[in-house]
Protein backbone atom coordinates (compact mmCIF):
# COMPACT_ATOMS: atom_id res chain seq x y z
CA UNK A 1 91.43 97.34 98.07
CA UNK A 2 89.31 100.48 98.42
CA UNK A 3 86.46 99.94 100.85
CA UNK A 4 83.94 101.11 98.23
CA UNK A 5 84.82 98.06 96.09
CA UNK A 6 84.07 95.83 99.07
CA UNK A 7 80.74 97.59 99.62
CA UNK A 8 79.90 97.38 95.94
CA UNK A 9 80.35 93.61 95.99
CA UNK A 10 78.57 92.99 99.31
CA UNK A 11 75.48 94.91 98.22
CA UNK A 12 75.14 93.28 94.80
CA UNK A 13 71.64 91.80 94.32
CA UNK A 14 71.22 88.20 95.40
CA UNK A 15 70.50 87.18 91.79
CA UNK A 16 74.13 88.07 90.96
CA UNK A 17 75.30 85.55 93.62
CA UNK A 18 78.21 87.70 94.84
CA UNK A 19 81.01 85.85 96.63
CA UNK A 20 83.95 87.07 98.65
CA UNK A 21 86.81 84.99 100.06
CA UNK A 22 89.15 86.94 102.35
CA UNK A 23 92.39 85.93 104.01
CA UNK A 24 95.00 83.33 103.08
CA UNK A 25 93.06 81.40 100.44
CA UNK A 26 94.96 79.58 97.66
CA UNK A 27 98.24 79.73 99.52
CA UNK A 28 98.47 83.50 99.91
CA UNK A 29 100.71 84.48 102.81
CA UNK A 30 99.03 87.86 103.28
CA UNK A 31 95.40 88.97 103.41
CA UNK A 32 93.98 88.82 99.88
CA UNK A 33 90.37 89.16 98.78
CA UNK A 34 88.96 87.02 95.94
CA UNK A 35 85.69 88.36 94.47
CA UNK A 36 83.24 87.27 91.80
CA UNK A 37 79.68 87.87 90.63
CA UNK A 38 77.29 86.65 87.92
CA UNK A 39 78.11 82.96 87.49
CA UNK A 40 77.50 81.15 84.21
CA UNK A 41 76.20 78.01 85.93
CA UNK A 42 74.96 76.80 89.32
CA UNK A 43 75.05 73.23 90.63
CA UNK A 44 73.05 72.43 93.77
CA UNK A 45 71.58 69.29 95.22
CA UNK A 46 72.40 66.03 96.95
CA UNK A 47 73.80 62.74 95.63
CA UNK A 48 72.87 63.50 92.04
CA UNK A 49 74.71 66.84 92.16
CA UNK A 50 77.73 65.16 93.73
CA UNK A 51 77.87 62.63 90.88
CA UNK A 52 77.66 65.46 88.34
CA UNK A 53 80.27 67.65 90.02
CA UNK A 54 83.48 66.33 88.32
CA UNK A 55 82.10 66.64 84.77
CA UNK A 56 80.53 70.02 85.59
CA UNK A 57 83.87 71.33 86.86
CA UNK A 58 85.83 69.96 83.90
CA UNK A 59 83.40 71.39 81.35
CA UNK A 60 83.36 74.89 82.80
CA UNK A 61 87.05 75.11 83.67
CA UNK A 62 87.92 74.24 80.06
CA UNK A 63 85.49 76.83 78.73
CA UNK A 64 86.55 79.51 81.23
CA UNK A 65 90.19 78.81 82.21
CA UNK A 66 90.36 82.01 84.24
CA UNK A 67 87.25 81.18 86.20
CA UNK A 68 86.46 79.33 89.41
CA UNK A 69 83.78 77.33 91.16
CA UNK A 70 82.95 78.73 94.60
CA UNK A 71 80.47 77.29 97.06
CA UNK A 72 79.90 74.99 100.02
CA UNK A 73 79.43 71.42 101.17
CA UNK A 74 76.98 70.87 104.04
CA UNK A 75 78.03 68.56 106.86
CA UNK A 76 75.28 66.11 105.86
CA UNK A 77 77.04 65.44 102.53
CA UNK A 78 78.90 62.77 104.52
CA UNK A 79 75.93 60.43 104.28
CA UNK A 80 76.78 59.89 100.60
CA UNK A 81 80.20 58.49 101.52
CA UNK A 82 79.42 56.39 104.59
CA UNK A 83 76.39 54.54 105.95
CA UNK A 84 75.40 57.25 108.41
CA UNK A 85 71.98 58.16 109.76
CA UNK A 86 72.37 61.88 109.07
CA UNK A 87 69.12 63.69 108.39
CA UNK A 88 69.44 66.17 105.50
CA UNK A 89 68.96 69.81 106.41
CA UNK A 90 65.40 70.85 105.55
CA UNK A 91 66.35 74.00 103.64
CA UNK A 92 69.97 73.47 102.54
CA UNK A 93 71.38 71.41 99.68
CA UNK A 94 74.22 69.03 100.44
CA UNK A 95 76.34 70.99 97.99
CA UNK A 96 75.98 74.33 96.26
CA UNK A 97 78.50 75.71 93.76
CA UNK A 98 78.42 78.48 91.20
CA UNK A 99 80.95 78.74 88.36
CA UNK A 100 82.22 82.27 87.78
CA UNK A 101 83.89 82.99 84.41
CA UNK A 102 86.39 85.28 86.11
CA UNK A 103 87.54 86.11 89.63
CA UNK A 104 89.42 89.19 90.79
CA UNK A 105 91.88 89.45 93.66
CA UNK A 106 92.80 92.49 95.71
CA UNK A 107 95.11 93.13 98.61
CA UNK A 108 92.87 94.23 101.43
CA UNK A 109 93.36 96.58 104.35
CA UNK A 110 93.36 95.35 107.91
CA UNK A 111 89.69 94.91 108.87
CA UNK A 112 88.41 97.94 110.74
CA UNK A 113 86.74 98.04 114.13
CA UNK A 114 83.13 96.78 114.20
CA UNK A 115 80.38 99.25 113.39
CA UNK A 116 77.77 99.89 116.05
CA UNK A 117 74.43 98.12 115.76
CA UNK A 118 71.37 97.33 117.81
CA UNK A 119 71.71 94.23 119.96
CA UNK A 120 70.14 91.11 118.48
CA UNK A 121 68.91 88.42 120.87
CA UNK A 122 70.72 85.10 120.48
CA UNK A 123 69.07 81.89 121.63
CA UNK A 124 69.95 78.23 122.03
CA UNK A 125 67.80 75.30 123.11
CA UNK A 126 71.03 73.65 124.24
CA UNK A 127 71.73 75.31 127.61
CA UNK A 128 74.47 74.33 130.06
CA UNK A 129 72.29 71.63 131.62
CA UNK A 130 71.74 70.03 128.21
CA UNK A 131 75.44 70.42 127.44
CA UNK A 132 76.43 68.74 130.70
CA UNK A 133 74.16 65.79 129.95
CA UNK A 134 75.61 65.48 126.45
CA UNK A 135 79.17 65.51 127.80
CA UNK A 136 78.31 62.73 130.26
CA UNK A 137 76.87 60.62 127.44
CA UNK A 138 80.04 61.12 125.40
CA UNK A 139 82.19 60.22 128.42
CA UNK A 140 80.17 56.99 128.80
CA UNK A 141 80.87 56.10 125.15
CA UNK A 142 84.57 56.81 125.69
CA UNK A 143 84.63 54.65 128.82
CA UNK A 144 82.97 51.83 126.86
CA UNK A 145 85.74 52.02 124.24
CA UNK A 146 83.56 53.29 121.36
CA UNK A 147 85.51 56.49 120.75
CA UNK A 148 88.42 58.55 122.07
CA UNK A 149 87.00 61.99 121.35
CA UNK A 150 83.85 63.65 119.99
CA UNK A 151 83.40 67.24 118.81
CA UNK A 152 80.15 68.33 120.43
CA UNK A 153 78.45 71.45 119.03
CA UNK A 154 75.94 73.91 120.46
CA UNK A 155 73.37 75.38 118.01
CA UNK A 156 72.55 79.10 118.21
CA UNK A 157 69.72 81.03 116.56
CA UNK A 158 68.83 84.70 116.15
CA UNK A 159 66.01 86.68 114.58
CA UNK A 160 67.81 89.53 112.84
CA UNK A 161 64.94 91.98 112.95
CA UNK A 162 65.80 93.45 109.56
CA UNK A 163 69.55 93.78 110.20
CA UNK A 164 71.20 93.19 106.79
CA UNK A 165 73.60 90.29 106.34
CA UNK A 166 76.09 92.65 104.70
CA UNK A 167 76.39 94.75 107.87
CA UNK A 168 76.81 91.63 110.00
CA UNK A 169 79.62 90.43 107.74
CA UNK A 170 81.38 93.80 107.89
CA UNK A 171 81.46 93.49 111.67
CA UNK A 172 82.41 89.81 111.55
CA UNK A 173 85.40 90.36 109.24
CA UNK A 174 87.05 92.60 111.83
CA UNK A 175 87.97 89.36 113.62
CA UNK A 176 90.59 88.82 110.93
CA UNK A 177 90.30 85.02 110.69
CA UNK A 178 92.39 83.65 107.79
CA UNK A 179 89.54 81.93 105.88
CA UNK A 180 86.64 84.39 105.88
CA UNK A 181 83.82 84.08 103.34
CA UNK A 182 80.64 85.83 102.19
CA UNK A 183 78.29 83.97 99.81
CA UNK A 184 74.95 85.51 98.84
CA UNK A 185 72.29 83.64 96.84
CA UNK A 186 68.57 84.19 96.25
CA UNK A 187 67.82 81.64 98.99
CA UNK A 188 70.40 82.39 101.69
CA UNK A 189 73.52 84.27 102.71
CA UNK A 190 76.45 82.50 104.36
CA UNK A 191 79.00 84.35 106.47
CA UNK A 192 82.15 82.59 107.64
CA UNK A 193 84.84 83.71 110.05
CA UNK A 194 86.75 80.43 109.97
CA UNK A 195 90.33 80.19 111.23
CA UNK A 196 90.79 76.64 109.92
CA UNK A 197 91.87 75.30 106.54
CA UNK A 198 90.27 71.96 105.63
CA UNK A 199 92.46 71.16 102.64
CA UNK A 200 94.41 72.92 99.90
CA UNK A 201 95.40 71.26 96.62
CA UNK A 202 97.98 72.55 94.14
CA UNK A 203 98.60 70.06 91.34
CA UNK A 204 99.31 66.74 93.06
CA UNK A 205 100.09 68.23 96.49
CA UNK A 206 97.48 68.31 99.26
CA UNK A 207 97.70 70.05 102.63
CA UNK A 208 95.36 69.83 105.62
CA UNK A 209 95.70 72.08 108.68
CA UNK A 210 93.57 70.81 111.58
CA UNK A 211 92.89 72.93 114.65
CA UNK A 212 92.51 71.28 118.03
CA UNK A 213 93.35 73.21 121.19
CA UNK A 214 92.14 76.69 122.19
CA UNK A 215 92.97 79.25 124.86
CA UNK A 216 91.68 82.75 125.59
CA UNK A 217 94.09 85.43 124.43
CA UNK A 218 95.44 88.06 126.77
CA UNK A 219 94.62 91.21 124.78
CA UNK A 220 97.58 93.18 126.20
CA UNK A 221 100.28 90.56 125.61
CA UNK A 222 99.44 87.25 123.96
CA UNK A 223 102.88 85.64 124.38
CA UNK A 224 102.00 84.18 127.77
CA UNK A 225 98.72 82.71 126.53
CA UNK A 226 100.47 81.25 123.49
CA UNK A 227 103.21 79.67 125.61
CA UNK A 228 100.60 78.10 127.91
CA UNK A 229 98.72 76.58 124.96
CA UNK A 230 101.87 75.27 123.26
CA UNK A 231 102.94 73.63 126.54
CA UNK A 232 99.53 72.05 127.29
CA UNK A 233 99.89 68.26 127.28
CA UNK A 234 96.11 67.81 127.01
CA UNK A 235 95.80 70.10 123.97
CA UNK A 236 98.86 68.62 122.29
CA UNK A 237 97.53 65.09 122.80
CA UNK A 238 94.09 66.00 121.38
CA UNK A 239 95.73 67.73 118.43
CA UNK A 240 97.96 64.73 117.74
CA UNK A 241 94.90 62.44 117.82
CA UNK A 242 93.34 64.42 114.95
CA UNK A 243 96.67 64.61 113.09
CA UNK A 244 96.83 60.82 113.20
CA UNK A 245 93.23 60.62 111.94
CA UNK A 246 94.02 62.93 109.01
CA UNK A 247 97.25 61.10 108.26
CA UNK A 248 95.16 57.95 107.94
CA UNK A 249 92.55 59.73 105.79
CA UNK A 250 95.23 61.09 103.45
CA UNK A 251 96.73 57.61 103.21
CA UNK A 252 93.66 56.56 101.19
CA UNK A 253 94.42 59.02 98.37
CA UNK A 254 98.16 59.76 98.71
CA UNK A 255 101.45 57.95 98.36
CA UNK A 256 101.76 57.01 102.01
CA UNK A 257 105.52 57.51 102.07
CA UNK A 258 104.97 61.15 101.05
CA UNK A 259 102.76 62.03 104.03
CA UNK A 260 104.44 64.28 106.57
CA UNK A 261 103.29 66.39 109.50
CA UNK A 262 104.32 69.67 111.13
CA UNK A 263 102.99 69.80 114.65
CA UNK A 264 101.73 72.44 117.04
CA UNK A 265 101.84 75.95 115.68
CA UNK A 266 99.86 78.87 117.11
CA UNK A 267 97.13 80.75 115.20
CA UNK A 268 96.58 84.05 117.02
CA UNK A 269 93.16 85.72 116.74
CA UNK A 270 91.76 88.73 118.62
CA UNK A 271 89.82 86.73 121.23
CA UNK A 272 91.72 83.44 121.32
CA UNK A 273 94.68 81.37 120.20
CA UNK A 274 94.40 78.00 118.44
CA UNK A 275 96.80 75.07 118.23
CA UNK A 276 97.28 74.15 114.56
CA UNK A 277 99.16 71.31 112.87
CA UNK A 278 99.74 70.61 109.18
CA UNK A 279 99.60 67.28 107.34
CA UNK A 280 100.52 67.08 103.66
CA UNK A 281 101.16 64.51 100.97
CA UNK A 282 101.35 63.69 97.26
CA UNK A 283 98.06 62.61 95.67
CA UNK A 284 97.79 59.45 93.60
CA UNK A 285 97.45 60.21 89.85
CA UNK A 286 93.93 61.18 88.78
CA UNK A 287 92.53 61.81 92.27
CA UNK A 288 89.69 64.32 91.91
CA UNK A 289 87.34 66.22 94.17
CA UNK A 290 84.96 63.32 94.86
CA UNK A 291 87.83 61.00 95.85
CA UNK A 292 89.23 63.68 98.16
CA UNK A 293 85.86 64.25 99.78
CA UNK A 294 85.21 60.53 100.17
CA UNK A 295 88.51 60.22 102.05
CA UNK A 296 88.51 63.42 104.11
CA UNK A 297 84.99 64.80 104.50
CA UNK A 298 84.02 66.04 106.99
CA UNK A 299 87.23 67.18 108.64
CA UNK A 300 88.22 65.02 111.59
CA UNK A 301 88.75 68.07 113.78
CA UNK A 302 84.98 68.65 113.95
CA UNK A 303 83.93 65.00 114.26
CA UNK A 304 86.20 63.12 116.65
CA UNK A 305 88.02 59.81 116.59
CA UNK A 306 87.38 57.25 115.28
CA UNK A 307 85.55 59.47 112.82
CA UNK A 308 82.56 57.36 111.73
CA UNK A 309 81.61 56.15 115.21
CA UNK A 310 82.02 59.68 116.58
CA UNK A 311 79.68 61.00 113.88
CA UNK A 312 77.08 58.36 114.73
CA UNK A 313 77.20 59.31 118.41
CA UNK A 314 77.06 63.04 117.68
CA UNK A 315 74.02 62.58 115.42
CA UNK A 316 72.30 60.70 118.24
CA UNK A 317 73.14 63.38 120.83
CA UNK A 318 72.74 66.60 118.81
CA UNK A 319 69.56 65.40 117.05
CA UNK A 320 69.60 68.16 114.43
CA UNK A 321 71.38 68.72 111.12
CA UNK A 322 74.47 70.93 111.29
CA UNK A 323 74.05 72.26 107.75
CA UNK A 324 76.87 74.45 106.48
CA UNK A 325 78.26 74.63 110.04
CA UNK A 326 81.08 72.08 110.27
CA UNK A 327 80.90 71.50 106.51
CA UNK A 328 83.26 73.32 104.13
CA UNK A 329 83.37 76.46 101.97
CA UNK A 330 85.85 76.87 99.17
CA UNK A 331 87.12 77.59 95.70
CA UNK A 332 88.16 75.30 92.82
CA UNK A 333 90.23 76.56 89.89
CA UNK A 334 91.33 74.32 87.03
CA UNK A 335 90.29 70.70 86.55
CA UNK A 336 90.58 68.43 89.63
CA UNK A 337 92.83 65.47 88.98
CA UNK A 338 95.12 67.45 86.65
CA UNK A 339 98.32 69.45 87.23
CA UNK A 340 96.41 72.71 86.67
CA UNK A 341 94.09 72.40 89.66
CA UNK A 342 94.13 74.72 92.65
CA UNK A 343 91.59 74.15 95.40
CA UNK A 344 91.19 75.56 98.88
CA UNK A 345 88.48 74.83 101.45
CA UNK A 346 87.95 76.01 104.99
CA UNK A 347 86.32 74.05 107.76
CA UNK A 348 83.07 75.98 108.11
CA UNK A 349 83.38 76.71 111.81
CA UNK A 350 82.32 80.15 113.14
CA UNK A 351 79.96 80.13 110.14
CA UNK A 352 76.49 81.66 110.04
CA UNK A 353 73.66 80.80 107.64
CA UNK A 354 71.00 83.49 107.15
CA UNK A 355 67.62 82.53 105.70
CA UNK A 356 64.42 84.56 105.77
CA UNK A 357 65.82 87.03 108.29
CA UNK A 358 67.02 84.40 110.73
CA UNK A 359 70.61 83.37 111.49
CA UNK A 360 71.79 79.98 112.67
CA UNK A 361 75.23 78.65 113.55
CA UNK A 362 76.87 75.85 115.54
CA UNK A 363 79.93 76.23 117.75
CA UNK A 364 81.70 73.27 119.30
CA UNK A 365 84.75 71.70 120.86
CA UNK A 366 86.36 68.34 121.38
CA UNK A 367 85.29 66.24 124.37
CA UNK A 368 87.62 63.63 125.85
CA UNK A 369 87.15 61.52 128.96
CA UNK A 370 88.82 63.98 131.33
CA UNK A 371 87.11 67.06 129.91
CA UNK A 372 85.77 69.58 132.45
CA UNK A 373 82.23 70.38 131.18
CA UNK A 374 82.24 73.92 132.61
CA UNK A 375 85.60 74.69 130.98
CA UNK A 376 84.48 73.16 127.67
CA UNK A 377 81.24 75.17 127.69
CA UNK A 378 83.20 78.34 128.44
CA UNK A 379 85.43 77.53 125.45
CA UNK A 380 82.34 77.20 123.22
CA UNK A 381 81.21 80.68 124.28
CA UNK A 382 84.74 82.04 123.70
CA UNK A 383 84.78 80.62 120.17
CA UNK A 384 81.30 82.03 119.52
CA UNK A 385 82.28 85.52 120.68
CA UNK A 386 83.17 86.90 117.20
CA UNK A 387 79.72 85.86 115.95
CA UNK A 388 78.02 87.24 119.05
CA UNK A 389 79.83 90.55 118.55
CA UNK A 390 78.85 90.63 114.88
CA UNK A 391 75.25 90.36 116.07
CA UNK A 392 75.71 93.25 118.49
CA UNK A 393 76.46 91.43 121.73
CA UNK A 394 78.96 93.18 124.00
CA UNK A 395 82.47 91.76 124.24
CA UNK A 396 82.92 89.51 127.28
């Protein structure tokens, strides 16, 4: 894909709602870019929009069979599926989708090195002292038998000082994560450098690919780092805990005998290496997007186990909405619940929301009883590094 086409899309006016999905979306095995502008319809809101979503998708996919719905689900959408005390984000809808009458795909070149920019100051009210206290509270809940694991996040904020979102995304995409996204609307721009697939649906087949387990990558030779991660009993145990959670979640919407897992593969990124597993199954007839979300959302890898109790504890400790961070971004083609459907969603980690010249994002990691708080906090900063670099911070 010529770089001028990428620039042309990124710098479309916000009213055109340009979207860009880069990487291995929709089952591609190589880097492909899906692009669209000028949707025919937009659906945003909370519970009412969720109830309307299936009919909205069916109506538009029948009218525009070559089109697609592209958008996001905020983390707080979960309160419509479970009795959770999640406060809605003050400026974000629980879901936001636009239906594009056509989407184009291009093979894309390897992302280039980041462009230089002025350094933007990044802040968080959640310093190491706060993080340490939060870890101790989670450990107390684990000791009491409430949970086995909780995925604690640290919120970061930055005033962009006029730096355009498009330039930040161009630097971010050099990280090469497999589920990158750029969504621009009149109200906000969302940039995602996610390495994690939430779920992919093709006809009656569904696949989830949870990440749990991270190690810093040796830039000169990553084989040693990868071998260390693959051999880590702690990381394998935490990963298996989330695989079991997702196996149980899929059992609510799939033929249970069809559910199978592939464990412990490595996803190699420039700064780090992740431990990834895959769980897949055959959906029951007629299962649509709302049923899938009710069973799976949000992804267990960014909540903890058991999921609902972990979410309650995290809401108590974090005391702020996560928004798009830890939610999901994705594409829907065809009519959910039919053989024609193709859907793919990332877990919106390493994801930045830009509103009124300010950026916000959450970065987290799983806490278990024997977690070392200093090591866990260092892992948070390692995971945040691609976003820090996109904002002009020097590589660490």
